[in-house]
């Protein structure tokens, strides 16, 4: 499991996300990456209820907390 922080406020080209996430938002990941997208959960709690895909190039790993 890893923790990530969004490094850009940009959105996906042509995508209409259900929820917008600001620069600096934190996410938890189980490490599943497919075609440059990482499967993440919102927040450091990682309750597994809100998993979604984000581009890896918008994320920066942060230390485990």
Protein backbone atom coordinates (compact mmCIF):
# COMPACT_ATOMS: atom_id res chain seq x y z
CA UNK A 1 0.00 0.00 0.00
CA UNK A 2 1.24 3.48 -0.79
CA UNK A 3 0.24 7.06 -0.22
CA UNK A 4 0.15 9.65 -2.99
CA UNK A 5 -0.48 13.38 -3.35
CA UNK A 6 -1.93 15.04 -6.44
CA UNK A 7 0.68 17.37 -7.93
CA UNK A 8 -1.47 19.16 -10.50
CA UNK A 9 -4.90 20.69 -10.59
CA UNK A 10 -5.35 19.67 -14.23
CA UNK A 11 -8.16 17.36 -15.27
CA UNK A 12 -8.21 14.52 -17.75
CA UNK A 13 -8.60 15.54 -21.38
CA UNK A 14 -12.18 14.98 -22.44
CA UNK A 15 -13.11 13.26 -19.19
CA UNK A 16 -16.01 14.28 -17.01
CA UNK A 17 -15.01 13.13 -13.52
CA UNK A 18 -17.72 12.60 -10.94
CA UNK A 19 -15.61 14.38 -8.32
CA UNK A 20 -12.90 16.99 -8.75
CA UNK A 21 -9.78 16.69 -6.59
CA UNK A 22 -7.63 19.74 -5.85
CA UNK A 23 -3.87 19.90 -6.07
CA UNK A 24 -2.45 18.53 -2.79
CA UNK A 25 -5.29 16.01 -2.28
CA UNK A 26 -4.06 12.75 -0.76
CA UNK A 27 -4.87 9.23 -1.93
CA UNK A 28 -4.18 5.65 -0.86
CA UNK A 29 -3.28 2.95 -3.38
CA UNK A 30 -2.92 -0.81 -3.24
CA UNK A 31 -0.34 -0.50 -6.02
CA UNK A 32 -2.51 -1.53 -8.97
CA UNK A 33 -1.34 0.34 -12.09
CA UNK A 34 -2.69 -0.26 -15.59
CA UNK A 35 -1.65 1.71 -18.69
CA UNK A 36 -0.37 4.67 -16.68
CA UNK A 37 -3.37 4.86 -14.32
CA UNK A 38 -3.20 4.05 -10.60
CA UNK A 39 -6.18 2.64 -8.70
CA UNK A 40 -6.56 4.94 -5.67
CA UNK A 41 -8.87 5.64 -2.74
CA UNK A 42 -9.52 9.17 -1.48
CA UNK A 43 -7.75 10.11 1.75
CA UNK A 44 -5.22 8.46 4.00
CA UNK A 45 -7.78 6.19 5.65
CA UNK A 46 -8.20 4.08 2.52
CA UNK A 47 -11.57 2.66 3.52
CA UNK A 48 -11.93 1.02 0.10
CA UNK A 49 -15.35 2.50 -0.59
CA UNK A 50 -14.36 5.11 -3.19
CA UNK A 51 -11.69 3.56 -5.43
CA UNK A 52 -11.14 5.16 -8.84
CA UNK A 53 -8.38 5.55 -11.45
CA UNK A 54 -6.01 8.56 -11.67
CA UNK A 55 -3.13 9.13 -14.10
CA UNK A 56 0.21 8.31 -12.48
CA UNK A 57 1.79 11.48 -13.92
CA UNK A 58 -0.55 13.59 -11.72
CA UNK A 59 0.55 11.83 -8.53
CA UNK A 60 3.63 12.00 -6.31
CA UNK A 61 4.45 9.28 -3.75
CA UNK A 62 4.62 10.47 -0.14
CA UNK A 63 6.01 8.58 2.87
CA UNK A 64 3.85 6.01 4.64
CA UNK A 65 2.04 7.61 7.56
